[in-house]
Amino acid sequence: MAPVTKIMYFKTTSSYLQDPSRLIAELNTTISADTIEGLSKIYHGFETEDPTNAFWVFEWASLDAHSAHHQTDTFKATQLVSQQAIASTPTSVFVNFSDTSRIFSAPVTEFVTFTLKEGVSMDKLQPLVTQLEVKLQGTPKFYGSSWAPVNDKPNVVHGVLGWESVQAHWDAVSSGPLKEIIDEVKKIADLWLVHAILTQSNV
């Protein structure tokens, strides 16, 4: 099965917001006590637009590996620790991205979704996403992008992009070919995007 990225997005508790390192250290201890088969990388961080929102990103060898982990005692232990950080029901998606190594380790990661408007088919959106990928290459202060449909949501394309800064992203798309493509995307899809500063955890 193909590698899959799980993205969790949630409202944080005040205790986690004030001292995230304590809880992350506790999670790392719980995880390292029993190496999780199929889990290669974990990233965590806060949204830049609203720091009371957090991202946890997990890179799995497959969906089966993720499902198998849910049956283990380690998962139950991490759930207990995680509850100290999560103040709302998390939004979780699974996406089969290609190489994301430079993206999640970039100074800033952009998370973006394109959700098709009613009556629009994916064959209208996919060429625009391909154009966007091509035009992004060579953009200043850009670390790469990866795009794929969200598992179980065939009308949603998820993108993750690495940038030197939030401003570098806005500078790149405020005019020119990238803006023109995004304007075309907005005609057929609803756009959601935020940025986060991620740190890799030890697994």
Protein backbone atom coordinates (compact mmCIF):
# COMPACT_ATOMS: atom_id res chain seq x y z
CA MET A 1 0.00 0.00 0.00
CA ALA A 2 1.03 3.59 -0.63
CA PRO A 3 2.53 5.83 2.06
CA VAL A 4 -0.05 8.17 3.58
CA THR A 5 0.10 11.43 5.54
CA LYS A 6 -2.38 12.05 8.35
CA ILE A 7 -3.03 15.74 9.10
CA MET A 8 -4.74 16.62 12.38
CA TYR A 9 -5.96 20.19 12.87
CA PHE A 10 -7.52 21.22 16.17
CA LYS A 11 -8.22 23.94 18.73
CA THR A 12 -5.70 23.70 21.55
CA THR A 13 -6.08 23.82 25.31
CA SER A 14 -4.57 26.82 27.09
CA SER A 15 -2.07 24.57 28.91
CA TYR A 16 -0.74 23.17 25.63
CA LEU A 17 -0.56 26.63 24.08
CA GLN A 18 1.43 27.96 27.03
CA ASP A 19 3.86 25.04 27.28
CA PRO A 20 3.72 22.71 24.27
CA SER A 21 7.21 21.29 24.91
CA ARG A 22 6.12 19.56 28.13
CA LEU A 23 3.31 17.62 26.50
CA ILE A 24 5.31 16.86 23.34
CA ALA A 25 8.12 15.48 25.54
CA GLU A 26 5.56 13.30 27.33
CA LEU A 27 4.20 12.06 23.99
CA ASN A 28 7.72 11.34 22.71
CA THR A 29 8.44 9.32 25.85
CA THR A 30 5.23 7.32 25.39
CA ILE A 31 5.98 6.67 21.74
CA SER A 32 9.66 5.82 22.15
CA ALA A 33 8.81 3.27 24.84
CA ASP A 34 7.38 1.08 22.09
CA THR A 35 8.47 1.91 18.54
CA ILE A 36 5.41 2.31 16.34
CA GLU A 37 5.61 0.10 13.27
CA GLY A 38 4.98 1.98 10.05
CA LEU A 39 5.25 5.50 11.50
CA SER A 40 8.22 7.33 9.99
CA LYS A 41 7.85 11.01 10.99
CA ILE A 42 5.77 13.29 13.22
CA TYR A 43 5.57 17.08 12.94
CA HIS A 44 3.74 19.45 15.27
CA GLY A 45 3.18 23.19 15.35
CA PHE A 46 0.77 26.09 15.54
CA GLU A 47 -1.14 27.96 12.87
CA THR A 48 0.41 31.39 12.26
CA GLU A 49 -2.93 33.11 11.55
CA ASP A 50 -4.51 31.83 14.79
CA PRO A 51 -2.02 30.22 17.20
CA THR A 52 -4.85 28.66 19.24
CA ASN A 53 -5.10 26.16 16.34
CA ALA A 54 -2.51 23.41 16.06
CA PHE A 55 -1.36 20.87 13.49
CA TRP A 56 -0.06 17.37 14.13
CA VAL A 57 1.24 15.61 11.01
CA PHE A 58 2.00 11.88 10.90
CA GLU A 59 3.72 10.10 8.01
CA TRP A 60 2.69 6.45 7.79
CA ALA A 61 3.91 3.60 5.60
CA SER A 62 0.25 2.84 4.78
CA LEU A 63 -3.32 3.21 5.99
CA ASP A 64 -3.12 -0.39 7.22
CA ALA A 65 -0.16 0.52 9.46
CA HIS A 66 -2.17 3.40 10.92
CA SER A 67 -5.20 1.16 11.51
CA ALA A 68 -3.06 -1.53 13.16
CA HIS A 69 -1.56 1.04 15.53
CA HIS A 70 -5.07 1.96 16.74
CA GLN A 71 -5.38 -1.52 18.22
CA THR A 72 -2.27 -1.21 20.41
CA ASP A 73 -1.74 -0.21 24.04
CA THR A 74 0.68 2.50 22.86
CA PHE A 75 -2.18 4.18 20.97
CA LYS A 76 -4.35 4.14 24.09
CA ALA A 77 -1.52 5.68 26.11
CA THR A 78 -0.89 8.43 23.55
CA GLN A 79 -4.62 9.18 23.42
CA LEU A 80 -4.62 9.91 27.15
CA VAL A 81 -1.70 12.32 26.78
CA SER A 82 -3.13 13.92 23.62
CA GLN A 83 -6.38 14.78 25.38
CA GLN A 84 -4.42 17.31 27.43
CA ALA A 85 -3.71 19.29 24.23
CA ILE A 86 -6.94 19.01 22.27
CA ALA A 87 -9.83 21.34 23.11
CA SER A 88 -12.08 20.49 20.14
CA THR A 89 -12.84 17.48 17.96
CA PRO A 90 -9.87 17.38 15.56
CA THR A 91 -10.30 17.57 11.82
CA SER A 92 -8.30 14.65 10.43
CA VAL A 93 -7.55 13.86 6.81
CA PHE A 94 -5.45 11.23 5.07
CA VAL A 95 -3.64 12.19 1.86
CA ASN A 96 -1.26 10.21 -0.37
CA PHE A 97 1.28 12.97 -0.95
CA SER A 98 4.53 12.34 -2.78
CA ASP A 99 7.80 13.57 -1.23
CA THR A 100 7.07 16.02 1.62
CA SER A 101 10.46 15.98 3.37
CA ARG A 102 11.47 19.56 2.51
CA ILE A 103 7.91 20.87 2.87
CA PHE A 104 7.16 19.99 6.49
CA SER A 105 10.71 20.87 7.54
CA ALA A 106 10.55 24.29 5.82
CA PRO A 107 10.44 27.43 8.02
CA VAL A 108 6.72 27.76 7.18
CA THR A 109 4.29 25.17 5.79
CA GLU A 110 1.19 26.22 3.86
CA PHE A 111 -1.85 23.94 4.15
CA VAL A 112 -4.42 24.48 1.40
CA THR A 113 -7.54 22.70 0.13
CA PHE A 114 -9.54 23.12 -3.06
CA THR A 115 -13.11 21.83 -2.65
CA LEU A 116 -15.01 21.51 -5.93
CA LYS A 117 -18.15 23.59 -6.24
CA GLU A 118 -21.36 21.69 -6.86
CA GLY A 119 -21.65 20.28 -10.34
CA VAL A 120 -17.94 20.68 -11.15
CA SER A 121 -15.85 17.59 -11.96
CA MET A 122 -12.27 16.92 -10.94
CA ASP A 123 -11.10 16.91 -14.56
CA LYS A 124 -11.64 20.69 -14.57
CA LEU A 125 -9.51 21.22 -11.44
CA GLN A 126 -6.67 18.76 -11.97
CA PRO A 127 -5.08 20.60 -14.95
CA LEU A 128 -5.01 23.82 -12.91
CA VAL A 129 -3.30 22.04 -10.02
CA THR A 130 -0.71 20.67 -12.47
CA GLN A 131 -0.14 24.17 -13.87
CA LEU A 132 0.26 25.50 -10.34
CA GLU A 133 2.88 22.85 -9.52
CA VAL A 134 4.85 23.67 -12.68
CA LYS A 135 4.72 27.45 -12.22
CA LEU A 136 5.72 27.21 -8.55
CA GLN A 137 9.04 25.59 -9.46
CA GLY A 138 11.81 28.15 -9.26
CA THR A 139 9.75 30.57 -7.15
CA PRO A 140 12.00 32.49 -4.71
CA LYS A 141 12.08 31.24 -1.11
CA PHE A 142 10.00 28.17 -2.07
CA TYR A 143 10.73 24.69 -0.68
CA GLY A 144 8.41 22.57 -2.81
CA SER A 145 4.81 21.40 -2.93
CA SER A 146 2.80 18.20 -3.04
CA TRP A 147 -0.84 17.81 -4.07
CA ALA A 148 -3.30 14.90 -3.92
CA PRO A 149 -7.00 14.18 -3.40
CA VAL A 150 -8.08 13.64 0.19
CA ASN A 151 -8.87 9.98 0.93
CA ASP A 152 -12.65 9.42 1.08
CA LYS A 153 -13.25 12.98 -0.22
CA PRO A 154 -12.87 12.75 -4.00
CA ASN A 155 -14.07 16.36 -4.44
CA VAL A 156 -11.20 17.81 -2.34
CA VAL A 157 -7.57 18.33 -3.38
CA HIS A 158 -5.10 19.00 -0.56
CA GLY A 159 -1.83 20.82 -1.04
CA VAL A 160 1.13 21.32 1.28
CA LEU A 161 3.79 23.88 0.37
CA GLY A 162 7.04 24.92 2.03
CA TRP A 163 8.08 28.58 2.24
CA GLU A 164 10.82 30.70 3.76
CA SER A 165 8.10 32.82 5.40
CA VAL A 166 4.39 33.62 5.18
CA GLN A 167 5.30 36.84 3.38
CA ALA A 168 7.28 34.88 0.78
CA HIS A 169 4.09 32.99 -0.06
CA TRP A 170 1.99 36.15 -0.42
CA ASP A 171 4.72 37.83 -2.48
CA ALA A 172 4.71 34.88 -4.88
CA VAL A 173 0.96 34.79 -5.49
CA SER A 174 -0.02 38.48 -5.33
CA SER A 175 0.46 38.97 -9.08
CA GLY A 176 1.60 37.21 -12.25
CA PRO A 177 1.02 33.63 -13.49
CA LEU A 178 0.46 32.07 -10.05
CA LYS A 179 -2.29 34.57 -9.19
CA GLU A 180 -3.91 33.98 -12.60
CA ILE A 181 -4.06 30.21 -12.03
CA ILE A 182 -5.41 30.62 -8.47
CA ASP A 183 -8.09 33.00 -9.76
CA GLU A 184 -9.15 30.27 -12.22
CA VAL A 185 -9.22 27.71 -9.39
CA LYS A 186 -11.52 29.98 -7.33
CA LYS A 187 -14.10 29.93 -10.13
CA ILE A 188 -14.63 26.18 -9.74
CA ALA A 189 -13.52 25.42 -6.17
CA ASP A 190 -13.70 26.85 -2.66
CA LEU A 191 -10.25 27.61 -1.28
CA TRP A 192 -9.12 27.20 2.35
CA LEU A 193 -5.57 27.91 3.44
CA VAL A 194 -3.51 28.62 6.54
CA HIS A 195 0.16 28.47 7.48
CA ALA A 196 1.95 26.73 10.32
CA ILE A 197 5.45 26.55 11.74
CA LEU A 198 6.21 22.87 12.28
CA THR A 199 8.84 21.05 14.31
CA GLN A 200 9.75 17.42 13.79
CA SER A 201 9.36 15.10 16.78
CA ASN A 202 11.57 12.16 17.54
CA VAL A 203 9.90 8.85 16.74
